[in-house]
Amino acid sequence: MKHFGRLDILVNCAAVDYTYSVEELSIEQWDRELAINLRAPFLFAKAAFPWLRQQGGGHIFNIASTAATRAWANASPYHASKWGLLGFSRGLSVERRPHNIRVTTLIPGGMDTHFFDRFLDQGIPMPDKNNLQSPANVAATMVFAAQLPPESALQELIVTPLNETSWP
């Protein structure tokens, strides 16, 4: 705010995933995963509201995952946090409409990031990099959603690589 004088877009994109069965997962890991994946977007949105309301609107992007629409083994807290983020975003969107604050949940499929690198240490097969998408594709999707006319909003958007399989 000091540098630019306004806040137009908030992107909640941080995430962590402990890939263990519920039996192996520690309570601390569960708590940390939900704190980063679900509580942090709440805290950032809460902090942004006064600025967005004061200037007459803005846009919040919550980055979920296809883990909010399907499930696989050894990712229960990740699924819980991403399904929770989807629900939080829906409620937030309704709550903030009167203030011209749009909320879009982006649900990306497999991303070509360092997210999967930890699988190597755990002996989990890595997804084929040819079936992953560039973060630039998701960024371009956010730009598209942000440029919609002010009377329109994209509530949710699933963006997957064209050749994504039903991984995992």
Protein backbone atom coordinates (compact mmCIF):
# COMPACT_ATOMS: atom_id res chain seq x y z
CA MET A 1 0.00 0.00 0.00
CA LYS A 2 2.87 2.36 0.77
CA HIS A 3 4.52 1.70 -2.58
CA PHE A 4 1.54 1.51 -4.97
CA GLY A 5 -1.19 3.20 -2.93
CA ARG A 6 -3.74 0.46 -3.59
CA LEU A 7 -4.34 -3.28 -3.58
CA ASP A 8 -6.18 -4.63 -6.60
CA ILE A 9 -5.51 -8.37 -6.49
CA LEU A 10 -4.71 -10.83 -3.73
CA VAL A 11 -3.45 -14.28 -4.75
CA ASN A 12 -3.48 -16.99 -2.09
CA CYS A 13 -1.22 -19.66 -3.55
CA ALA A 14 0.94 -21.18 -0.79
CA ALA A 15 0.48 -24.87 -0.02
CA VAL A 16 2.12 -27.81 1.65
CA ASP A 17 1.31 -31.51 1.34
CA TYR A 18 2.46 -34.31 3.62
CA THR A 19 2.02 -37.49 1.62
CA TYR A 20 1.38 -40.01 4.38
CA SER A 21 -1.50 -42.19 5.43
CA VAL A 22 -3.60 -40.86 8.31
CA GLU A 23 -2.02 -43.55 10.48
CA GLU A 24 1.50 -42.26 9.73
CA LEU A 25 0.65 -38.54 9.73
CA SER A 26 1.46 -36.63 12.90
CA ILE A 27 -1.00 -34.22 14.48
CA GLU A 28 1.58 -31.46 13.98
CA GLN A 29 1.73 -32.21 10.25
CA TRP A 30 -2.07 -32.15 10.01
CA ASP A 31 -2.22 -28.82 11.85
CA ARG A 32 0.57 -27.26 9.78
CA GLU A 33 -1.00 -28.34 6.49
CA LEU A 34 -4.39 -26.87 7.37
CA ALA A 35 -2.74 -23.71 8.74
CA ILE A 36 -0.86 -23.06 5.49
CA ASN A 37 -3.45 -24.31 2.99
CA LEU A 38 -6.65 -23.04 4.61
CA ARG A 39 -6.03 -20.69 7.53
CA ALA A 40 -3.50 -18.51 5.67
CA PRO A 41 -5.95 -17.59 2.85
CA PHE A 42 -8.47 -16.60 5.55
CA LEU A 43 -5.88 -14.39 7.27
CA PHE A 44 -4.72 -12.73 4.04
CA ALA A 45 -8.30 -12.13 2.87
CA LYS A 46 -9.20 -10.67 6.26
CA ALA A 47 -6.18 -8.34 6.11
CA ALA A 48 -6.99 -7.25 2.54
CA PHE A 49 -10.69 -6.46 3.12
CA PRO A 50 -10.29 -2.97 4.60
CA TRP A 51 -8.12 -1.86 1.67
CA LEU A 52 -10.30 -3.46 -1.00
CA ARG A 53 -13.51 -2.10 0.54
CA GLN A 54 -12.03 1.39 0.95
CA GLN A 55 -11.04 1.61 -2.72
CA GLY A 56 -14.36 0.22 -3.95
CA GLY A 57 -13.43 -3.33 -4.91
CA GLY A 58 -10.78 -5.77 -6.01
CA HIS A 59 -10.19 -9.43 -6.73
CA ILE A 60 -9.14 -12.36 -4.54
CA PHE A 61 -7.79 -15.51 -6.16
CA ASN A 62 -7.64 -18.65 -4.04
CA ILE A 63 -5.57 -21.36 -5.68
CA ALA A 64 -7.02 -24.75 -4.83
CA SER A 65 -6.18 -27.94 -6.72
CA THR A 66 -7.95 -30.75 -8.48
CA ALA A 67 -7.51 -32.31 -5.04
CA ALA A 68 -10.64 -30.27 -4.21
CA THR A 69 -12.62 -32.31 -6.74
CA ARG A 70 -11.18 -35.83 -6.47
CA ALA A 71 -9.19 -37.88 -3.99
CA TRP A 72 -6.23 -40.22 -3.87
CA ALA A 73 -4.52 -42.13 -1.08
CA ASN A 74 -2.12 -40.59 1.44
CA ALA A 75 -3.28 -37.01 0.95
CA SER A 76 -6.21 -36.66 3.37
CA PRO A 77 -5.15 -33.32 4.91
CA TYR A 78 -4.35 -31.92 1.47
CA HIS A 79 -7.82 -32.88 0.25
CA ALA A 80 -9.45 -31.54 3.41
CA SER A 81 -7.64 -28.21 3.05
CA LYS A 82 -8.36 -27.81 -0.67
CA TRP A 83 -12.03 -28.82 -0.36
CA GLY A 84 -12.20 -26.41 2.58
CA LEU A 85 -10.63 -23.65 0.50
CA LEU A 86 -13.25 -24.21 -2.17
CA GLY A 87 -16.04 -23.86 0.42
CA PHE A 88 -14.37 -20.84 2.01
CA SER A 89 -14.09 -19.18 -1.40
CA ARG A 90 -17.76 -19.76 -2.22
CA GLY A 91 -18.86 -18.20 1.06
CA LEU A 92 -16.37 -15.37 0.72
CA SER A 93 -17.62 -14.59 -2.77
CA VAL A 94 -21.19 -14.16 -1.58
CA GLU A 95 -20.08 -12.12 1.45
CA ARG A 96 -17.90 -9.70 -0.52
CA ARG A 97 -20.13 -9.09 -3.58
CA PRO A 98 -21.81 -6.02 -2.01
CA HIS A 99 -18.33 -4.47 -1.76
CA ASN A 100 -17.41 -5.17 -5.42
CA ILE A 101 -14.80 -7.72 -4.34
CA ARG A 102 -14.70 -10.68 -6.68
CA VAL A 103 -13.44 -14.05 -5.48
CA THR A 104 -12.27 -16.68 -7.94
CA THR A 105 -11.14 -20.16 -7.01
CA LEU A 106 -8.63 -21.49 -9.49
CA ILE A 107 -8.49 -25.28 -9.55
CA PRO A 108 -5.34 -26.22 -11.44
CA GLY A 109 -4.44 -29.71 -12.51
CA GLY A 110 -0.87 -31.00 -12.47
CA MET A 111 1.69 -28.21 -12.35
CA ASP A 112 5.28 -28.29 -13.53
CA THR A 113 6.74 -27.01 -10.26
CA HIS A 114 8.93 -28.38 -7.47
CA PHE A 115 5.81 -29.69 -5.72
CA PHE A 116 6.45 -33.26 -6.86
CA ASP A 117 10.20 -33.28 -6.08
CA ARG A 118 9.60 -34.61 -2.57
CA PHE A 119 8.14 -37.78 -4.07
CA LEU A 120 11.62 -38.87 -5.09
CA ASP A 121 12.68 -39.12 -1.44
CA GLN A 122 9.55 -41.12 -0.60
CA GLY A 123 9.82 -43.58 -3.48
CA ILE A 124 6.55 -42.36 -5.04
CA PRO A 125 6.54 -42.36 -8.85
CA MET A 126 6.83 -38.90 -10.35
CA PRO A 127 4.15 -37.81 -12.82
CA ASP A 128 5.24 -37.53 -16.42
CA LYS A 129 6.41 -33.92 -16.90
CA ASN A 130 4.74 -33.97 -20.33
CA ASN A 131 1.40 -34.21 -18.52
CA LEU A 132 2.00 -31.12 -16.37
CA GLN A 133 1.29 -27.46 -17.15
CA SER A 134 3.38 -24.37 -16.75
CA PRO A 135 2.53 -21.97 -13.91
CA ALA A 136 2.45 -19.30 -16.62
CA ASN A 137 -0.75 -20.90 -17.97
CA VAL A 138 -2.47 -20.50 -14.62
CA ALA A 139 -1.18 -16.93 -14.32
CA ALA A 140 -2.64 -16.13 -17.75
CA THR A 141 -5.96 -17.57 -16.59
CA MET A 142 -5.91 -15.24 -13.57
CA VAL A 143 -5.24 -12.26 -15.83
CA PHE A 144 -8.20 -13.30 -18.00
CA ALA A 145 -10.51 -13.59 -14.96
CA ALA A 146 -9.33 -10.26 -13.54
CA GLN A 147 -10.07 -8.49 -16.83
CA LEU A 148 -13.72 -9.52 -17.01
CA PRO A 149 -16.18 -6.63 -17.00
CA PRO A 150 -16.84 -5.47 -13.43
CA GLU A 151 -20.41 -6.80 -13.47
CA SER A 152 -19.17 -10.37 -14.10
CA ALA A 153 -17.17 -12.82 -12.03
CA LEU A 154 -15.69 -16.24 -12.60
CA GLN A 155 -16.51 -18.09 -9.40
CA GLU A 156 -14.47 -21.22 -10.10
CA LEU A 157 -12.23 -22.26 -12.91
CA ILE A 158 -10.59 -25.63 -13.50
CA VAL A 159 -7.41 -25.36 -15.55
CA THR A 160 -5.67 -28.60 -16.50
CA PRO A 161 -3.00 -29.57 -18.97
CA LEU A 162 -4.61 -30.65 -22.23
CA ASN A 163 -3.07 -34.11 -21.95
CA GLU A 164 -3.49 -34.58 -18.19
CA THR A 165 -4.30 -38.14 -17.28
CA SER A 166 -6.39 -39.08 -14.30
CA TRP A 167 -3.23 -38.98 -12.15
CA PRO A 168 -2.62 -40.30 -9.73
